N, C-alpha and C. Protein backbone atom coordinates (compact mmCIF):
# COMPACT_ATOMS: atom_id res chain seq x y z
N MET A 1 108.49 79.78 99.38
CA MET A 1 107.83 79.29 101.16
C MET A 1 106.57 80.04 101.10
N PRO A 2 105.19 79.13 101.19
CA PRO A 2 104.27 79.72 101.00
C PRO A 2 103.75 80.89 102.28
N VAL A 3 102.93 81.80 101.44
CA VAL A 3 102.31 83.08 102.62
C VAL A 3 101.92 81.85 103.91
N ARG A 4 101.79 81.14 103.74
CA ARG A 4 100.49 80.66 105.16
C ARG A 4 101.15 80.17 106.24
N LEU A 5 101.78 79.53 105.57
CA LEU A 5 103.75 78.79 106.80
C LEU A 5 104.35 79.81 107.21
N LYS A 6 104.69 81.08 105.93
CA LYS A 6 105.76 82.27 106.97
C LYS A 6 104.73 82.91 108.17
N LYS A 7 103.56 82.75 107.76
CA LYS A 7 102.47 83.35 108.55
C LYS A 7 102.58 82.73 110.16
N LEU A 8 102.44 81.31 110.06
CA LEU A 8 102.59 80.35 111.30
C LEU A 8 104.01 80.64 111.96
N ILE A 9 104.88 80.43 111.27
CA ILE A 9 105.57 80.84 111.26
C ILE A 9 106.07 81.99 112.19
N GLY A 10 106.21 82.79 111.92
CA GLY A 10 106.11 84.14 112.71
C GLY A 10 105.20 84.45 113.48
N THR A 11 103.97 84.10 114.14
CA THR A 11 103.36 83.96 115.12
C THR A 11 104.57 82.84 116.31
N VAL A 12 104.21 82.17 115.48
CA VAL A 12 105.44 80.80 116.50
C VAL A 12 106.26 82.37 116.68
N LEU A 13 106.59 82.30 116.09
CA LEU A 13 108.52 83.15 116.47
C LEU A 13 107.25 84.51 117.64
N LEU A 14 106.73 84.60 117.63
CA LEU A 14 106.14 86.21 118.05
C LEU A 14 106.53 86.14 119.24
N ILE A 15 105.45 84.74 119.72
CA ILE A 15 105.25 84.32 121.26
C ILE A 15 106.79 84.30 121.54
N ILE A 16 107.19 83.51 121.65
CA ILE A 16 108.55 82.75 121.64
C ILE A 16 109.63 83.93 121.82
N LEU A 17 109.23 84.28 121.23
CA LEU A 17 109.53 86.05 121.57
C LEU A 17 109.53 87.20 122.61
N VAL A 18 107.86 86.91 123.19
CA VAL A 18 107.66 87.52 123.77
C VAL A 18 108.32 86.84 125.27
N CYS A 19 107.46 85.64 125.12
CA CYS A 19 107.78 85.11 126.32
C CYS A 19 109.27 85.86 126.82
N VAL A 20 110.54 84.79 125.94
CA VAL A 20 111.38 85.45 126.23
C VAL A 20 112.21 85.96 127.27
N TYR A 21 111.86 87.20 125.76
CA TYR A 21 112.42 88.68 126.61
C TYR A 21 111.53 88.81 127.68
N ALA A 22 110.13 89.04 128.02
CA ALA A 22 109.73 89.58 129.19
C ALA A 22 110.44 88.58 130.56
N LEU A 23 110.97 87.23 130.38
CA LEU A 23 111.42 86.19 131.02
C LEU A 23 112.57 86.98 131.55
N ALA A 24 113.27 87.31 130.54
CA ALA A 24 114.75 87.53 130.04
C ALA A 24 114.88 90.01 130.97
N ALA A 25 114.00 89.49 130.63
CA ALA A 25 113.97 91.47 131.89
C ALA A 25 113.81 91.21 132.80
N THR A 26 112.81 90.73 133.01
CA THR A 26 112.31 90.96 134.68
C THR A 26 113.73 89.96 135.13
N LEU A 27 114.16 88.74 135.42
CA LEU A 27 115.72 88.70 136.09
C LEU A 27 115.85 89.04 135.89
N PHE A 28 116.40 90.43 134.87
CA PHE A 28 118.24 90.57 134.86
C PHE A 28 117.10 91.94 136.10
N ALA A 29 115.67 92.24 135.69
CA ALA A 29 115.07 93.67 136.99
C ALA A 29 115.65 92.82 138.14
N VAL A 30 115.68 92.04 138.31
CA VAL A 30 114.91 91.03 139.70
C VAL A 30 116.63 90.88 140.68
N GLY A 31 118.00 91.42 139.66
CA GLY A 31 119.05 90.46 139.97
C GLY A 31 119.81 91.32 140.31
N HIS A 32 119.41 92.91 139.45
CA HIS A 32 119.85 93.52 139.69
C HIS A 32 119.70 95.28 139.59
N LEU A 33 118.30 95.39 140.31
CA LEU A 33 117.41 96.63 140.33
C LEU A 33 116.66 96.00 141.80
N GLY A 34 117.44 95.03 141.76
CA GLY A 34 116.39 94.85 143.45
C GLY A 34 116.74 96.63 144.86
N GLU A 35 117.63 97.38 144.81
CA GLU A 35 117.97 97.59 145.86
C GLU A 35 118.12 99.29 145.22
N SER A 36 117.34 99.41 144.14
CA SER A 36 117.21 100.86 143.16
C SER A 36 115.72 101.83 143.73
N SER A 37 115.88 102.16 143.00
CA SER A 37 114.56 102.83 143.58
C SER A 37 113.58 103.11 142.04
N PRO A 38 112.32 103.57 142.70
CA PRO A 38 110.86 103.71 141.94
C PRO A 38 111.26 104.34 140.30
N TRP A 39 111.82 104.99 140.37
CA TRP A 39 112.11 106.18 139.42
C TRP A 39 113.09 105.54 138.25
N VAL A 40 113.78 104.41 139.03
CA VAL A 40 114.45 103.41 138.27
C VAL A 40 114.10 102.22 137.60
N HIS A 41 113.14 101.95 138.24
CA HIS A 41 112.52 100.73 137.61
C HIS A 41 111.48 101.24 136.68
N LEU A 42 111.01 102.49 137.00
CA LEU A 42 109.65 102.88 136.06
C LEU A 42 110.52 102.99 134.85
N ALA A 43 111.58 103.69 134.62
CA ALA A 43 112.79 103.36 133.66
C ALA A 43 113.36 102.85 133.19
N TYR A 44 113.41 101.75 133.51
CA TYR A 44 114.12 99.80 133.23
C TYR A 44 112.46 99.74 132.68
N PHE A 45 111.50 99.71 132.81
CA PHE A 45 111.00 98.72 132.58
C PHE A 45 109.51 99.51 131.42
N PHE A 46 110.05 100.56 131.46
CA PHE A 46 109.65 101.85 130.34
C PHE A 46 110.45 101.08 128.48
N PHE A 47 111.48 101.32 129.26
CA PHE A 47 113.23 100.56 127.80
C PHE A 47 111.91 99.69 127.55
N THR A 48 112.71 98.56 128.43
CA THR A 48 112.18 97.66 128.08
C THR A 48 111.00 97.05 127.35
N GLY A 49 110.43 97.80 127.71
CA GLY A 49 108.81 97.61 127.15
C GLY A 49 108.45 97.95 125.72
N LEU A 50 109.16 99.01 125.79
CA LEU A 50 109.33 99.23 124.40
C LEU A 50 110.27 98.15 122.89
N LEU A 51 111.48 97.93 124.16
CA LEU A 51 112.23 97.30 123.59
C LEU A 51 112.65 96.22 121.62
N TRP A 52 111.58 95.00 123.19
CA TRP A 52 111.17 93.98 122.18
C TRP A 52 110.30 94.24 121.21
N ILE A 53 109.77 95.57 120.32
CA ILE A 53 109.77 96.04 119.31
C ILE A 53 110.33 95.93 118.14
N LEU A 54 111.05 96.19 118.25
CA LEU A 54 112.64 96.01 117.34
C LEU A 54 112.51 94.98 116.65
N PRO A 55 112.63 93.59 117.68
CA PRO A 55 112.89 92.12 116.35
C PRO A 55 111.81 92.01 115.96
N ALA A 56 110.07 91.60 116.72
CA ALA A 56 109.01 92.26 116.21
C ALA A 56 108.50 92.38 115.44
N MET A 57 109.07 93.59 115.11
CA MET A 57 108.80 93.98 113.66
C MET A 57 109.47 93.08 112.73
N GLY A 58 110.93 93.58 112.92
CA GLY A 58 111.77 92.15 111.60
C GLY A 58 110.72 90.62 110.77
N ILE A 59 110.29 90.19 112.61
CA ILE A 59 109.90 89.17 112.16
C ILE A 59 108.01 89.30 111.04
N ILE A 60 107.89 90.62 111.38
CA ILE A 60 106.84 90.81 110.46
C ILE A 60 107.29 91.25 109.56
N LYS A 61 107.91 92.16 109.59
CA LYS A 61 108.58 92.46 107.95
C LYS A 61 108.17 91.55 107.30
N TRP A 62 109.38 90.46 107.33
CA TRP A 62 109.26 88.84 106.59
C TRP A 62 108.29 87.89 106.97
N MET A 63 106.98 87.85 107.91
CA MET A 63 106.22 87.09 107.49
C MET A 63 105.04 88.34 106.16
N VAL A 64 105.08 89.56 105.66
CA VAL A 64 104.35 89.72 105.65
C VAL A 64 104.73 89.72 103.79
N THR A 65 106.44 89.66 103.37
CA THR A 65 107.03 89.60 102.43
C THR A 65 106.28 88.92 101.74
N GLU A 66 105.98 89.56 99.85
CA GLU A 66 105.56 88.08 98.92
C GLU A 66 107.07 87.60 98.53
N PRO A 67 106.13 86.32 98.01
CA PRO A 67 107.61 85.21 97.96
C PRO A 67 107.60 85.90 96.65
N LYS A 68 109.24 85.46 96.12
CA LYS A 68 109.99 85.85 94.35
C LYS A 68 109.31 85.26 93.28
N ARG A 69 108.67 85.96 93.32
CA ARG A 69 108.65 84.85 91.76
C ARG A 69 109.68 84.03 91.05
N ARG A 70 109.36 83.57 90.30
CA ARG A 70 110.36 82.89 89.12
C ARG A 70 109.85 83.01 87.94
């Protein structure tokens, strides 16, 4: 697969990942953390704010790998 195509696909996947992840994390927080203390909210959004980095790293790693030579 050409590098430019991989970067285009990876960019689109990253945008989709961020949008879907932010929506899911917020919906979960609204549904389950409504009566929690501010410290629980802070901890939840801190960890969920960092957790999306793991799948993003996988996508970025896939994007920058060189195609195998034949």
